[in-house]
C-alpha cells in the first residue's frame, strides 16, 4: 500500500503544476489525476472539493 501522505503530495504537486500553466479555473480533475498518477477517487479521498 502506498503512503497516503506521498499520494497527497503527488496530487498537490500535479495540481500546482497545472494551475501555474493553465490557471485554477481551467484545470480539470482528469488532468490532475493523469499528472499525479492517481485516480479521481483518490483525489476526492484526499481533497473533497476543489478548495
PDB file of N, CA and C in Angstrom:
ATOM      1  N   UNK A   1       0.842  -1.191   0.000  1.00  0.00           N
ATOM      2  CA  UNK A   1       0.000   0.000   0.000  1.00  0.00           C
ATOM      3  C   UNK A   1       0.882   1.246   0.000  1.00  0.00           C
ATOM      4  N   UNK A   2       0.528   2.217  -0.813  1.00  0.00           N
ATOM      5  CA  UNK A   2       1.305   3.447  -0.900  1.00  0.00           C
ATOM      6  C   UNK A   2       1.036   4.337   0.300  1.00  0.00           C
ATOM      7  N   UNK A   3       2.033   5.129   0.634  1.00  0.00           N
ATOM      8  CA  UNK A   3       1.929   6.073   1.741  1.00  0.00           C
ATOM      9  C   UNK A   3       0.915   7.159   1.378  1.00  0.00           C
ATOM     10  N   UNK A   4      -0.147   7.329   2.183  1.00  0.00           N
ATOM     11  CA  UNK A   4      -1.167   8.338   1.869  1.00  0.00           C
ATOM     12  C   UNK A   4      -0.602   9.756   1.779  1.00  0.00           C
ATOM     13  N   UNK A   5       0.399  10.076   2.602  1.00  0.00           N
ATOM     14  CA  UNK A   5       0.981  11.416   2.555  1.00  0.00           C
ATOM     15  C   UNK A   5       1.697  11.642   1.227  1.00  0.00           C
ATOM     16  N   UNK A   6       2.398  10.618   0.738  1.00  0.00           N
ATOM     17  CA  UNK A   6       3.075  10.731  -0.543  1.00  0.00           C
ATOM     18  C   UNK A   6       2.060  10.933  -1.664  1.00  0.00           C
ATOM     19  N   UNK A   7       0.968  10.205  -1.629  1.00  0.00           N
ATOM     20  CA  UNK A   7      -0.083  10.362  -2.637  1.00  0.00           C
ATOM     21  C   UNK A   7      -0.642  11.772  -2.594  1.00  0.00           C
ATOM     22  N   UNK A   8      -0.916  12.265  -1.405  1.00  0.00           N
ATOM     23  CA  UNK A   8      -1.435  13.630  -1.247  1.00  0.00           C
ATOM     24  C   UNK A   8      -0.447  14.648  -1.819  1.00  0.00           C
ATOM     25  N   UNK A   9       0.829  14.464  -1.549  1.00  0.00           N
ATOM     26  CA  UNK A   9       1.851  15.380  -2.058  1.00  0.00           C
ATOM     27  C   UNK A   9       1.952  15.313  -3.579  1.00  0.00           C
ATOM     28  N   UNK A  10       1.842  14.110  -4.148  1.00  0.00           N
ATOM     29  CA  UNK A  10       1.875  13.976  -5.610  1.00  0.00           C
ATOM     30  C   UNK A  10       0.697  14.707  -6.243  1.00  0.00           C
ATOM     31  N   UNK A  11      -0.468  14.596  -5.621  1.00  0.00           N
ATOM     32  CA  UNK A  11      -1.659  15.283  -6.133  1.00  0.00           C
ATOM     33  C   UNK A  11      -1.460  16.794  -6.060  1.00  0.00           C
ATOM     34  N   UNK A  12      -0.968  17.276  -4.928  1.00  0.00           N
ATOM     35  CA  UNK A  12      -0.732  18.715  -4.771  1.00  0.00           C
ATOM     36  C   UNK A  12       0.287  19.225  -5.780  1.00  0.00           C
ATOM     37  N   UNK A  13       1.384  18.498  -5.953  1.00  0.00           N
ATOM     38  CA  UNK A  13       2.414  18.913  -6.910  1.00  0.00           C
ATOM     39  C   UNK A  13       1.850  18.975  -8.325  1.00  0.00           C
ATOM     40  N   UNK A  14       1.086  17.957  -8.698  1.00  0.00           N
ATOM     41  CA  UNK A  14       0.493  17.929 -10.035  1.00  0.00           C
ATOM     42  C   UNK A  14      -0.475  19.091 -10.222  1.00  0.00           C
ATOM     43  N   UNK A  15      -1.320  19.321  -9.228  1.00  0.00           N
ATOM     44  CA  UNK A  15      -2.294  20.413  -9.324  1.00  0.00           C
ATOM     45  C   UNK A  15      -1.592  21.761  -9.448  1.00  0.00           C
ATOM     46  N   UNK A  16      -0.564  21.978  -8.651  1.00  0.00           N
ATOM     47  CA  UNK A  16       0.158  23.256  -8.719  1.00  0.00           C
ATOM     48  C   UNK A  16       0.820  23.451 -10.074  1.00  0.00           C
ATOM     49  N   UNK A  17       1.386  22.385 -10.632  1.00  0.00           N
ATOM     50  CA  UNK A  17       1.993  22.482 -11.965  1.00  0.00           C
ATOM     51  C   UNK A  17       0.962  22.882 -13.009  1.00  0.00           C
ATOM     52  N   UNK A  18      -0.191  22.254 -12.959  1.00  0.00           N
ATOM     53  CA  UNK A  18      -1.231  22.552 -13.950  1.00  0.00           C
ATOM     54  C   UNK A  18      -1.834  23.928 -13.692  1.00  0.00           C
ATOM     55  N   UNK A  19      -2.071  24.280 -12.425  1.00  0.00           N
ATOM     56  CA  UNK A  19      -2.594  25.614 -12.104  1.00  0.00           C
ATOM     57  C   UNK A  19      -1.672  26.691 -12.662  1.00  0.00           C
ATOM     58  N   UNK A  20      -0.356  26.491 -12.540  1.00  0.00           N
ATOM     59  CA  UNK A  20       0.583  27.525 -12.981  1.00  0.00           C
ATOM     60  C   UNK A  20       0.601  27.678 -14.495  1.00  0.00           C
ATOM     61  N   UNK A  21       0.280  26.613 -15.221  1.00  0.00           N
ATOM     62  CA  UNK A  21       0.294  26.724 -16.677  1.00  0.00           C
ATOM     63  C   UNK A  21      -1.076  27.037 -17.279  1.00  0.00           C
ATOM     64  N   UNK A  22      -2.156  26.515 -16.694  1.00  0.00           N
ATOM     65  CA  UNK A  22      -3.492  26.699 -17.266  1.00  0.00           C
ATOM     66  C   UNK A  22      -4.385  27.630 -16.465  1.00  0.00           C
ATOM     67  N   UNK A  23      -4.038  27.825 -15.198  1.00  0.00           N
ATOM     68  CA  UNK A  23      -4.903  28.605 -14.324  1.00  0.00           C
ATOM     69  C   UNK A  23      -5.823  27.697 -13.528  1.00  0.00           C
ATOM     70  N   UNK A  24      -6.238  28.196 -12.398  1.00  0.00           N
ATOM     71  CA  UNK A  24      -7.071  27.433 -11.463  1.00  0.00           C
ATOM     72  C   UNK A  24      -8.387  26.994 -12.099  1.00  0.00           C
ATOM     73  N   UNK A  25      -9.080  27.928 -12.733  1.00  0.00           N
ATOM     74  CA  UNK A  25     -10.425  27.638 -13.242  1.00  0.00           C
ATOM     75  C   UNK A  25     -10.429  26.744 -14.476  1.00  0.00           C
ATOM     76  N   UNK A  26      -9.333  26.707 -15.212  1.00  0.00           N
ATOM     77  CA  UNK A  26      -9.274  25.877 -16.415  1.00  0.00           C
ATOM     78  C   UNK A  26      -8.698  24.485 -16.160  1.00  0.00           C
ATOM     79  N   UNK A  27      -8.303  24.205 -14.928  1.00  0.00           N
ATOM     80  CA  UNK A  27      -7.737  22.903 -14.586  1.00  0.00           C
ATOM     81  C   UNK A  27      -8.855  21.895 -14.342  1.00  0.00           C
ATOM     82  N   UNK A  28      -8.728  20.748 -14.964  1.00  0.00           N
ATOM     83  CA  UNK A  28      -9.731  19.689 -14.837  1.00  0.00           C
ATOM     84  C   UNK A  28      -9.195  18.561 -13.949  1.00  0.00           C
ATOM     85  N   UNK A  29     -10.092  17.914 -13.254  1.00  0.00           N
ATOM     86  CA  UNK A  29      -9.725  16.830 -12.346  1.00  0.00           C
ATOM     87  C   UNK A  29      -8.993  15.711 -13.083  1.00  0.00           C
ATOM     88  N   UNK A  30      -9.436  15.392 -14.288  1.00  0.00           N
ATOM     89  CA  UNK A  30      -8.783  14.343 -15.075  1.00  0.00           C
ATOM     90  C   UNK A  30      -7.315  14.669 -15.326  1.00  0.00           C
ATOM     91  N   UNK A  31      -7.011  15.938 -15.556  1.00  0.00           N
ATOM     92  CA  UNK A  31      -5.627  16.348 -15.797  1.00  0.00           C
ATOM     93  C   UNK A  31      -4.767  16.136 -14.553  1.00  0.00           C
ATOM     94  N   UNK A  32      -5.307  16.476 -13.404  1.00  0.00           N
ATOM     95  CA  UNK A  32      -4.571  16.288 -12.152  1.00  0.00           C
ATOM     96  C   UNK A  32      -4.373  14.795 -11.887  1.00  0.00           C
ATOM     97  N   UNK A  33      -5.389  14.004 -12.129  1.00  0.00           N
ATOM     98  CA  UNK A  33      -5.278  12.552 -11.937  1.00  0.00           C
ATOM     99  C   UNK A  33      -4.206  11.972 -12.855  1.00  0.00           C
ATOM    100  N   UNK A  34      -4.212  12.368 -14.119  1.00  0.00           N
ATOM    101  CA  UNK A  34      -3.212  11.864 -15.065  1.00  0.00           C
ATOM    102  C   UNK A  34      -1.805  12.263 -14.650  1.00  0.00           C
ATOM    103  N   UNK A  35      -1.618  13.530 -14.336  1.00  0.00           N
ATOM    104  CA  UNK A  35      -0.282  14.025 -13.991  1.00  0.00           C
ATOM    105  C   UNK A  35       0.234  13.432 -12.681  1.00  0.00           C
ATOM    106  N   UNK A  36      -0.650  13.190 -11.733  1.00  0.00           N
ATOM    107  CA  UNK A  36      -0.212  12.667 -10.431  1.00  0.00           C
ATOM    108  C   UNK A  36      -0.127  11.142 -10.404  1.00  0.00           C
ATOM    109  N   UNK A  37      -0.665  10.499 -11.437  1.00  0.00           N
ATOM    110  CA  UNK A  37      -0.649   9.038 -11.469  1.00  0.00           C
ATOM    111  C   UNK A  37      -1.618   8.414 -10.480  1.00  0.00           C
ATOM    112  N   UNK A  38      -2.692   9.131 -10.175  1.00  0.00           N
ATOM    113  CA  UNK A  38      -3.701   8.629  -9.243  1.00  0.00           C
ATOM    114  C   UNK A  38      -5.059   8.595  -9.939  1.00  0.00           C
ATOM    115  N   UNK A  39      -6.038   8.093  -9.233  1.00  0.00           N
ATOM    116  CA  UNK A  39      -7.401   8.076  -9.766  1.00  0.00           C
ATOM    117  C   UNK A  39      -8.171   9.296  -9.261  1.00  0.00           C
ATOM    118  N   UNK A  40      -9.282   9.576  -9.917  1.00  0.00           N
ATOM    119  CA  UNK A  40     -10.144  10.659  -9.432  1.00  0.00           C
ATOM    120  C   UNK A  40     -10.661  10.334  -8.039  1.00  0.00           C
ATOM    121  N   UNK A  41     -10.960   9.074  -7.775  1.00  0.00           N
ATOM    122  CA  UNK A  41     -11.424   8.667  -6.451  1.00  0.00           C
ATOM    123  C   UNK A  41     -10.400   8.958  -5.372  1.00  0.00           C
ATOM    124  N   UNK A  42      -9.146   8.741  -5.696  1.00  0.00           N
ATOM    125  CA  UNK A  42      -8.074   9.027  -4.740  1.00  0.00           C
ATOM    126  C   UNK A  42      -7.978  10.531  -4.465  1.00  0.00           C
ATOM    127  N   UNK A  43      -8.158  11.326  -5.500  1.00  0.00           N
ATOM    128  CA  UNK A  43      -8.129  12.784  -5.315  1.00  0.00           C
ATOM    129  C   UNK A  43      -9.281  13.213  -4.415  1.00  0.00           C
ATOM    130  N   UNK A  44     -10.477  12.692  -4.667  1.00  0.00           N
ATOM    131  CA  UNK A  44     -11.628  13.034  -3.824  1.00  0.00           C
ATOM    132  C   UNK A  44     -11.446  12.555  -2.382  1.00  0.00           C
ATOM    133  N   UNK A  45     -10.746  11.435  -2.195  1.00  0.00           N
ATOM    134  CA  UNK A  45     -10.478  10.939  -0.848  1.00  0.00           C
ATOM    135  C   UNK A  45      -9.630  11.946  -0.071  1.00  0.00           C
ATOM    136  N   UNK A  46      -8.604  12.481  -0.724  1.00  0.00           N
ATOM    137  CA  UNK A  46      -7.683  13.413  -0.065  1.00  0.00           C
ATOM    138  C   UNK A  46      -8.197  14.850  -0.060  1.00  0.00           C
ATOM    139  N   UNK A  47      -8.990  15.206  -1.074  1.00  0.00           N
ATOM    140  CA  UNK A  47      -9.494  16.573  -1.224  1.00  0.00           C
ATOM    141  C   UNK A  47     -10.962  16.514  -1.643  1.00  0.00           C
ATOM    142  N   UNK A  48     -11.888  16.648  -0.700  1.00  0.00           N
ATOM    143  CA  UNK A  48     -13.313  16.510  -1.010  1.00  0.00           C
ATOM    144  C   UNK A  48     -13.854  17.550  -2.000  1.00  0.00           C
ATOM    145  N   UNK A  49     -13.177  18.691  -2.148  1.00  0.00           N
ATOM    146  CA  UNK A  49     -13.610  19.700  -3.124  1.00  0.00           C
ATOM    147  C   UNK A  49     -12.392  20.434  -3.664  1.00  0.00           C
ATOM    148  N   UNK A  50     -12.616  21.306  -4.634  1.00  0.00           N
ATOM    149  CA  UNK A  50     -11.501  21.974  -5.308  1.00  0.00           C
ATOM    150  C   UNK A  50     -10.799  22.990  -4.416  1.00  0.00           C
ATOM    151  N   UNK A  51     -11.462  23.468  -3.404  1.00  0.00           N
ATOM    152  CA  UNK A  51     -10.817  24.409  -2.500  1.00  0.00           C
ATOM    153  C   UNK A  51      -9.824  23.662  -1.656  1.00  0.00           C
TER     154      UNK A  51
END
